[in-house]
N, C-alpha and C. Protein backbone atom coordinates (compact mmCIF):
# COMPACT_ATOMS: atom_id res chain seq x y z
N MET A 1 19.66 35.30 38.49
CA MET A 1 20.86 34.58 38.86
C MET A 1 22.03 35.10 38.04
N LYS A 2 23.12 35.26 38.67
CA LYS A 2 24.34 35.69 38.00
C LYS A 2 24.94 34.49 37.26
N ALA A 3 25.35 34.70 36.03
CA ALA A 3 25.85 33.60 35.19
C ALA A 3 27.02 32.87 35.83
N THR A 4 27.89 33.61 36.49
CA THR A 4 29.06 32.97 37.10
C THR A 4 28.73 32.19 38.36
N ASP A 5 27.46 32.21 38.78
CA ASP A 5 27.01 31.38 39.91
C ASP A 5 26.55 30.00 39.47
N ILE A 6 26.40 29.79 38.18
CA ILE A 6 25.99 28.48 37.66
C ILE A 6 27.15 27.51 37.92
N PRO A 7 26.89 26.37 38.56
CA PRO A 7 27.98 25.46 38.94
C PRO A 7 28.91 25.06 37.79
N PHE A 8 28.38 24.73 36.62
CA PHE A 8 29.24 24.34 35.50
C PHE A 8 30.13 25.50 35.06
N VAL A 9 29.56 26.68 34.98
CA VAL A 9 30.30 27.88 34.59
C VAL A 9 31.45 28.12 35.56
N ARG A 10 31.15 28.00 36.83
CA ARG A 10 32.18 28.16 37.87
C ARG A 10 33.23 27.06 37.74
N HIS A 11 32.80 25.83 37.48
CA HIS A 11 33.70 24.68 37.39
C HIS A 11 34.77 24.85 36.31
N ILE A 12 34.37 25.35 35.14
CA ILE A 12 35.37 25.48 34.08
C ILE A 12 36.17 26.78 34.17
N GLY A 13 35.71 27.72 35.02
CA GLY A 13 36.50 28.91 35.27
C GLY A 13 36.10 30.16 34.51
N ILE A 14 34.88 30.22 34.01
CA ILE A 14 34.42 31.44 33.33
C ILE A 14 34.29 32.56 34.35
N GLU A 15 34.82 33.72 33.98
CA GLU A 15 34.79 34.89 34.86
C GLU A 15 34.12 36.05 34.16
N GLU A 16 33.52 36.94 34.97
CA GLU A 16 32.82 38.11 34.42
C GLU A 16 33.57 39.38 34.76
N ALA A 17 33.75 40.24 33.75
CA ALA A 17 34.38 41.54 33.95
C ALA A 17 33.30 42.56 34.34
N LYS A 18 33.73 43.74 34.74
CA LYS A 18 32.78 44.79 35.15
C LYS A 18 31.84 45.20 34.03
N ASP A 19 32.28 45.06 32.77
CA ASP A 19 31.42 45.42 31.64
C ASP A 19 30.51 44.27 31.20
N SER A 20 30.45 43.22 32.00
CA SER A 20 29.61 42.04 31.77
C SER A 20 30.10 41.12 30.66
N THR A 21 31.29 41.37 30.13
CA THR A 21 31.85 40.40 29.19
C THR A 21 32.42 39.25 30.00
N LEU A 22 32.36 38.07 29.41
CA LEU A 22 32.86 36.88 30.07
C LEU A 22 34.17 36.45 29.43
N SER A 23 35.01 35.82 30.25
CA SER A 23 36.29 35.33 29.74
C SER A 23 36.58 33.96 30.33
N LEU A 24 37.49 33.27 29.67
CA LEU A 24 37.92 31.95 30.11
C LEU A 24 39.41 31.85 29.91
N ASP A 25 40.11 31.63 31.01
CA ASP A 25 41.56 31.50 30.96
C ASP A 25 41.93 30.06 30.65
N VAL A 26 43.09 29.88 30.10
CA VAL A 26 43.60 28.53 29.85
C VAL A 26 43.81 27.86 31.20
N ASN A 27 43.20 26.67 31.37
CA ASN A 27 43.40 25.89 32.59
C ASN A 27 43.22 24.42 32.26
N ASP A 28 43.70 23.55 33.13
CA ASP A 28 43.66 22.10 32.88
C ASP A 28 42.26 21.56 32.63
N LYS A 29 41.24 22.19 33.15
CA LYS A 29 39.87 21.71 33.00
C LYS A 29 39.32 21.91 31.59
N VAL A 30 39.91 22.81 30.82
CA VAL A 30 39.34 23.15 29.51
C VAL A 30 40.25 22.80 28.32
N LEU A 31 41.39 22.19 28.59
CA LEU A 31 42.31 21.86 27.49
C LEU A 31 41.91 20.56 26.80
N ASN A 32 42.14 20.51 25.50
CA ASN A 32 41.89 19.29 24.74
C ASN A 32 43.20 18.52 24.53
N HIS A 33 43.17 17.54 23.66
CA HIS A 33 44.32 16.66 23.44
C HIS A 33 45.50 17.36 22.76
N ILE A 34 45.28 18.53 22.17
CA ILE A 34 46.40 19.27 21.56
C ILE A 34 46.74 20.53 22.34
N GLN A 35 46.27 20.58 23.59
CA GLN A 35 46.60 21.66 24.53
C GLN A 35 46.08 23.03 24.10
N THR A 36 44.92 23.04 23.43
CA THR A 36 44.21 24.29 23.16
C THR A 36 42.88 24.23 23.90
N ILE A 37 42.20 25.36 24.01
CA ILE A 37 40.92 25.38 24.71
C ILE A 37 39.91 24.56 23.91
N HIS A 38 39.32 23.58 24.56
CA HIS A 38 38.40 22.64 23.94
C HIS A 38 37.22 23.37 23.30
N ALA A 39 36.74 22.83 22.19
CA ALA A 39 35.61 23.42 21.48
C ALA A 39 34.40 23.56 22.39
N SER A 40 34.15 22.56 23.23
CA SER A 40 32.97 22.64 24.10
C SER A 40 33.12 23.74 25.15
N ALA A 41 34.34 24.04 25.56
CA ALA A 41 34.56 25.14 26.51
C ALA A 41 34.31 26.48 25.83
N GLN A 42 34.73 26.61 24.57
CA GLN A 42 34.44 27.83 23.83
C GLN A 42 32.93 28.00 23.65
N PHE A 43 32.25 26.89 23.35
CA PHE A 43 30.80 26.93 23.21
C PHE A 43 30.16 27.38 24.52
N ALA A 44 30.61 26.81 25.63
CA ALA A 44 30.04 27.17 26.94
C ALA A 44 30.24 28.65 27.23
N LEU A 45 31.42 29.17 26.92
CA LEU A 45 31.68 30.59 27.13
C LEU A 45 30.73 31.44 26.28
N ALA A 46 30.62 31.11 25.00
CA ALA A 46 29.77 31.88 24.09
C ALA A 46 28.30 31.79 24.48
N GLU A 47 27.83 30.60 24.82
CA GLU A 47 26.42 30.43 25.19
C GLU A 47 26.11 31.19 26.48
N THR A 48 27.00 31.12 27.43
CA THR A 48 26.80 31.83 28.69
C THR A 48 26.78 33.34 28.45
N GLN A 49 27.68 33.81 27.57
CA GLN A 49 27.69 35.24 27.24
C GLN A 49 26.39 35.66 26.58
N SER A 50 25.82 34.79 25.76
CA SER A 50 24.55 35.14 25.11
C SER A 50 23.44 35.30 26.15
N GLY A 51 23.47 34.47 27.19
CA GLY A 51 22.49 34.60 28.27
C GLY A 51 22.67 35.88 29.07
N VAL A 52 23.92 36.23 29.34
CA VAL A 52 24.21 37.50 30.03
C VAL A 52 23.72 38.67 29.19
N HIS A 53 23.89 38.55 27.90
CA HIS A 53 23.43 39.61 26.99
C HIS A 53 21.91 39.78 27.08
N LEU A 54 21.18 38.67 27.12
CA LEU A 54 19.73 38.75 27.30
C LEU A 54 19.37 39.48 28.59
N GLN A 55 20.07 39.15 29.67
CA GLN A 55 19.82 39.80 30.96
C GLN A 55 20.06 41.30 30.87
N ARG A 56 21.10 41.69 30.15
CA ARG A 56 21.41 43.12 30.02
C ARG A 56 20.38 43.83 29.14
N LEU A 57 19.88 43.15 28.11
CA LEU A 57 18.88 43.76 27.23
C LEU A 57 17.54 43.94 27.93
N PHE A 58 17.17 42.97 28.77
CA PHE A 58 15.84 42.95 29.38
C PHE A 58 15.91 42.70 30.89
N PRO A 59 16.56 43.58 31.64
CA PRO A 59 16.71 43.34 33.08
C PRO A 59 15.36 43.30 33.80
N HIS A 60 14.37 43.98 33.27
CA HIS A 60 13.04 44.01 33.90
C HIS A 60 12.32 42.66 33.80
N LEU A 61 12.78 41.76 32.93
CA LEU A 61 12.14 40.46 32.78
C LEU A 61 12.72 39.39 33.70
N GLU A 62 13.87 39.67 34.28
CA GLU A 62 14.52 38.67 35.12
C GLU A 62 13.60 38.22 36.25
N GLY A 63 13.49 36.91 36.39
CA GLY A 63 12.65 36.34 37.43
C GLY A 63 11.19 36.17 37.02
N THR A 64 10.82 36.73 35.86
CA THR A 64 9.42 36.64 35.40
C THR A 64 9.28 35.83 34.12
N VAL A 65 10.42 35.35 33.58
CA VAL A 65 10.39 34.59 32.33
C VAL A 65 11.24 33.33 32.45
N LEU A 66 10.99 32.42 31.52
CA LEU A 66 11.80 31.23 31.40
C LEU A 66 12.52 31.32 30.05
N PRO A 67 13.83 31.64 30.07
CA PRO A 67 14.58 31.68 28.82
C PRO A 67 15.18 30.30 28.54
N LEU A 68 14.95 29.80 27.34
CA LEU A 68 15.48 28.50 26.95
C LEU A 68 16.23 28.62 25.63
N LEU A 69 17.39 28.00 25.58
CA LEU A 69 18.14 27.99 24.33
C LEU A 69 17.45 27.03 23.37
N ARG A 70 17.06 27.54 22.23
CA ARG A 70 16.34 26.72 21.25
C ARG A 70 17.26 26.19 20.16
N ASP A 71 18.25 26.98 19.77
CA ASP A 71 19.10 26.58 18.65
C ASP A 71 20.44 27.31 18.78
N ALA A 72 21.48 26.68 18.24
CA ALA A 72 22.79 27.32 18.26
C ALA A 72 23.61 26.85 17.06
N THR A 73 24.38 27.78 16.52
CA THR A 73 25.36 27.43 15.49
C THR A 73 26.67 28.07 15.90
N ILE A 74 27.75 27.36 15.65
CA ILE A 74 29.06 27.89 16.00
C ILE A 74 30.06 27.47 14.93
N LYS A 75 30.95 28.38 14.62
CA LYS A 75 32.02 28.10 13.67
C LYS A 75 33.34 28.39 14.38
N TYR A 76 34.18 27.38 14.40
CA TYR A 76 35.50 27.52 15.03
C TYR A 76 36.48 28.00 13.96
N LYS A 77 37.18 29.08 14.27
CA LYS A 77 38.03 29.74 13.29
C LYS A 77 39.51 29.43 13.46
N LYS A 78 39.99 29.55 14.70
CA LYS A 78 41.41 29.34 15.01
C LYS A 78 41.51 28.65 16.36
N PRO A 79 42.59 27.90 16.59
CA PRO A 79 42.77 27.30 17.91
C PRO A 79 42.91 28.39 18.98
N ALA A 80 42.32 28.13 20.13
CA ALA A 80 42.41 29.08 21.25
C ALA A 80 43.56 28.62 22.15
N VAL A 81 44.63 29.39 22.14
CA VAL A 81 45.81 29.01 22.91
C VAL A 81 46.09 29.98 24.06
N ALA A 82 45.28 31.01 24.18
CA ALA A 82 45.41 32.00 25.24
C ALA A 82 44.02 32.30 25.79
N LYS A 83 43.97 33.08 26.85
CA LYS A 83 42.69 33.49 27.44
C LYS A 83 41.75 33.98 26.35
N ILE A 84 40.47 33.58 26.44
CA ILE A 84 39.48 34.00 25.45
C ILE A 84 38.39 34.85 26.11
N VAL A 85 37.82 35.75 25.30
CA VAL A 85 36.80 36.69 25.76
C VAL A 85 35.64 36.63 24.78
N ALA A 86 34.42 36.65 25.30
CA ALA A 86 33.22 36.61 24.46
C ALA A 86 32.51 37.96 24.49
N VAL A 87 32.06 38.39 23.33
CA VAL A 87 31.30 39.63 23.20
C VAL A 87 30.04 39.32 22.41
N ALA A 88 28.90 39.71 22.97
CA ALA A 88 27.60 39.43 22.35
C ALA A 88 26.99 40.69 21.77
N SER A 89 26.16 40.48 20.75
CA SER A 89 25.43 41.60 20.15
C SER A 89 24.11 41.09 19.57
N THR A 90 23.19 42.02 19.42
CA THR A 90 21.90 41.71 18.80
C THR A 90 21.48 42.92 17.99
N ASP A 91 21.01 42.67 16.80
CA ASP A 91 20.52 43.72 15.93
C ASP A 91 19.36 44.46 16.61
N GLU A 92 19.38 45.78 16.59
CA GLU A 92 18.34 46.58 17.25
C GLU A 92 16.95 46.29 16.70
N GLU A 93 16.86 46.05 15.41
CA GLU A 93 15.57 45.72 14.80
C GLU A 93 15.02 44.41 15.38
N ALA A 94 15.91 43.44 15.61
CA ALA A 94 15.49 42.17 16.20
C ALA A 94 15.02 42.36 17.64
N VAL A 95 15.67 43.26 18.37
CA VAL A 95 15.25 43.55 19.75
C VAL A 95 13.85 44.13 19.75
N GLU A 96 13.59 45.08 18.87
CA GLU A 96 12.26 45.69 18.80
C GLU A 96 11.20 44.68 18.39
N LYS A 97 11.53 43.80 17.46
CA LYS A 97 10.60 42.76 17.04
C LYS A 97 10.29 41.82 18.20
N PHE A 98 11.34 41.45 18.97
CA PHE A 98 11.12 40.58 20.14
C PHE A 98 10.21 41.27 21.16
N LYS A 99 10.47 42.54 21.43
CA LYS A 99 9.65 43.27 22.41
C LYS A 99 8.18 43.26 22.00
N ALA A 100 7.90 43.52 20.74
CA ALA A 100 6.53 43.54 20.26
C ALA A 100 5.90 42.15 20.36
N GLN A 101 6.64 41.15 19.97
CA GLN A 101 6.13 39.77 20.02
C GLN A 101 5.87 39.36 21.47
N PHE A 102 6.80 39.70 22.36
CA PHE A 102 6.65 39.32 23.77
C PHE A 102 5.45 40.03 24.40
N GLU A 103 5.29 41.30 24.07
CA GLU A 103 4.17 42.06 24.62
C GLU A 103 2.82 41.50 24.13
N ARG A 104 2.79 41.08 22.89
CA ARG A 104 1.56 40.57 22.29
C ARG A 104 1.23 39.15 22.76
N LYS A 105 2.25 38.27 22.87
CA LYS A 105 2.00 36.85 23.11
C LYS A 105 2.53 36.33 24.45
N GLY A 106 3.35 37.11 25.14
CA GLY A 106 3.95 36.62 26.37
C GLY A 106 5.11 35.67 26.13
N ARG A 107 5.58 35.66 24.89
CA ARG A 107 6.73 34.82 24.53
C ARG A 107 7.33 35.36 23.23
N GLY A 108 8.57 34.96 22.98
CA GLY A 108 9.22 35.39 21.75
C GLY A 108 10.57 34.74 21.59
N THR A 109 11.14 34.91 20.42
CA THR A 109 12.49 34.39 20.16
C THR A 109 13.41 35.54 19.78
N LEU A 110 14.67 35.34 20.08
CA LEU A 110 15.67 36.37 19.81
C LEU A 110 17.00 35.70 19.49
N HIS A 111 17.66 36.18 18.44
CA HIS A 111 18.98 35.69 18.07
C HIS A 111 20.05 36.57 18.71
N VAL A 112 21.05 35.93 19.30
CA VAL A 112 22.17 36.64 19.89
C VAL A 112 23.44 36.15 19.21
N ASP A 113 24.21 37.07 18.65
CA ASP A 113 25.50 36.74 18.03
C ASP A 113 26.61 36.92 19.04
N VAL A 114 27.58 36.01 19.01
CA VAL A 114 28.71 36.08 19.93
C VAL A 114 29.99 35.84 19.16
N ILE A 115 30.96 36.70 19.41
CA ILE A 115 32.30 36.53 18.86
C ILE A 115 33.24 36.24 20.01
N VAL A 116 34.03 35.19 19.86
CA VAL A 116 35.03 34.83 20.87
C VAL A 116 36.40 35.12 20.29
N THR A 117 37.16 35.93 21.01
CA THR A 117 38.53 36.26 20.59
C THR A 117 39.48 35.92 21.72
N ASP A 118 40.75 35.71 21.35
CA ASP A 118 41.73 35.56 22.42
C ASP A 118 42.23 36.95 22.81
N ILE A 119 43.06 37.00 23.83
CA ILE A 119 43.51 38.31 24.35
C ILE A 119 44.40 39.06 23.36
N HIS A 120 44.78 38.39 22.26
CA HIS A 120 45.57 39.03 21.22
C HIS A 120 44.70 39.51 20.07
N GLY A 121 43.37 39.35 20.21
CA GLY A 121 42.45 39.80 19.18
C GLY A 121 42.16 38.79 18.08
N VAL A 122 42.68 37.58 18.19
CA VAL A 122 42.44 36.55 17.19
C VAL A 122 41.05 35.95 17.42
N VAL A 123 40.21 35.95 16.38
CA VAL A 123 38.88 35.36 16.49
C VAL A 123 39.04 33.84 16.51
N THR A 124 38.56 33.22 17.60
CA THR A 124 38.66 31.76 17.71
C THR A 124 37.35 31.08 17.35
N SER A 125 36.23 31.76 17.54
CA SER A 125 34.94 31.20 17.14
C SER A 125 33.88 32.30 17.04
N GLU A 126 32.85 32.00 16.27
CA GLU A 126 31.69 32.89 16.12
C GLU A 126 30.45 32.02 16.24
N ALA A 127 29.45 32.54 16.93
CA ALA A 127 28.24 31.73 17.17
C ALA A 127 26.99 32.60 17.13
N THR A 128 25.87 31.93 16.86
CA THR A 128 24.55 32.55 16.97
C THR A 128 23.69 31.64 17.82
N PHE A 129 23.04 32.22 18.81
CA PHE A 129 22.17 31.49 19.72
C PHE A 129 20.76 32.02 19.57
N THR A 130 19.81 31.11 19.43
CA THR A 130 18.41 31.49 19.35
C THR A 130 17.75 31.15 20.68
N TRP A 131 17.27 32.18 21.35
CA TRP A 131 16.63 32.02 22.65
C TRP A 131 15.12 32.11 22.50
N PHE A 132 14.42 31.21 23.17
CA PHE A 132 12.97 31.26 23.31
C PHE A 132 12.71 31.74 24.73
N VAL A 133 11.98 32.83 24.85
CA VAL A 133 11.70 33.44 26.15
C VAL A 133 10.20 33.45 26.35
N GLN A 134 9.76 32.86 27.46
CA GLN A 134 8.32 32.77 27.75
C GLN A 134 8.04 33.31 29.14
N SER A 135 6.97 34.08 29.23
CA SER A 135 6.53 34.59 30.53
C SER A 135 6.14 33.41 31.41
N LEU A 136 6.50 33.48 32.67
CA LEU A 136 6.12 32.43 33.62
C LEU A 136 4.61 32.39 33.80
N ASN A 137 3.94 33.47 33.49
CA ASN A 137 2.48 33.53 33.59
C ASN A 137 1.78 32.83 32.42
N GLU A 138 2.52 32.56 31.34
CA GLU A 138 1.94 31.96 30.14
C GLU A 138 2.11 30.44 30.09
N ARG A 139 2.75 29.86 31.06
CA ARG A 139 3.02 28.42 31.05
C ARG A 139 1.83 27.61 31.45
């Protein structure tokens, strides 16, 4: 499933670029009481980007696993007053460890880091998402 097809993601206006990065423009659905992008909207953007990152890392697993968010931490750095963009990354060593664990047990965990910046390059939040991925055959 494409991330931007998820009803909530579509509802708040998250969009995907050709390079698979996600963005969220300022709109009435995501503003808080001080007219900046709400913390929960930034979280939704970052979490969704972490899922897209998993799909890009392991496209061969799509449709054969159940990925579940197990844990998340986020630190808000600056108010988001302009369009924001999320970029995800994962340490290569962690990817290799996940692959070995998944091959051995049919399940594994992986941490995905996400940085959210506005279109001017200002970091508005940083997050880490821990995904638990289990083979549908192991349930």
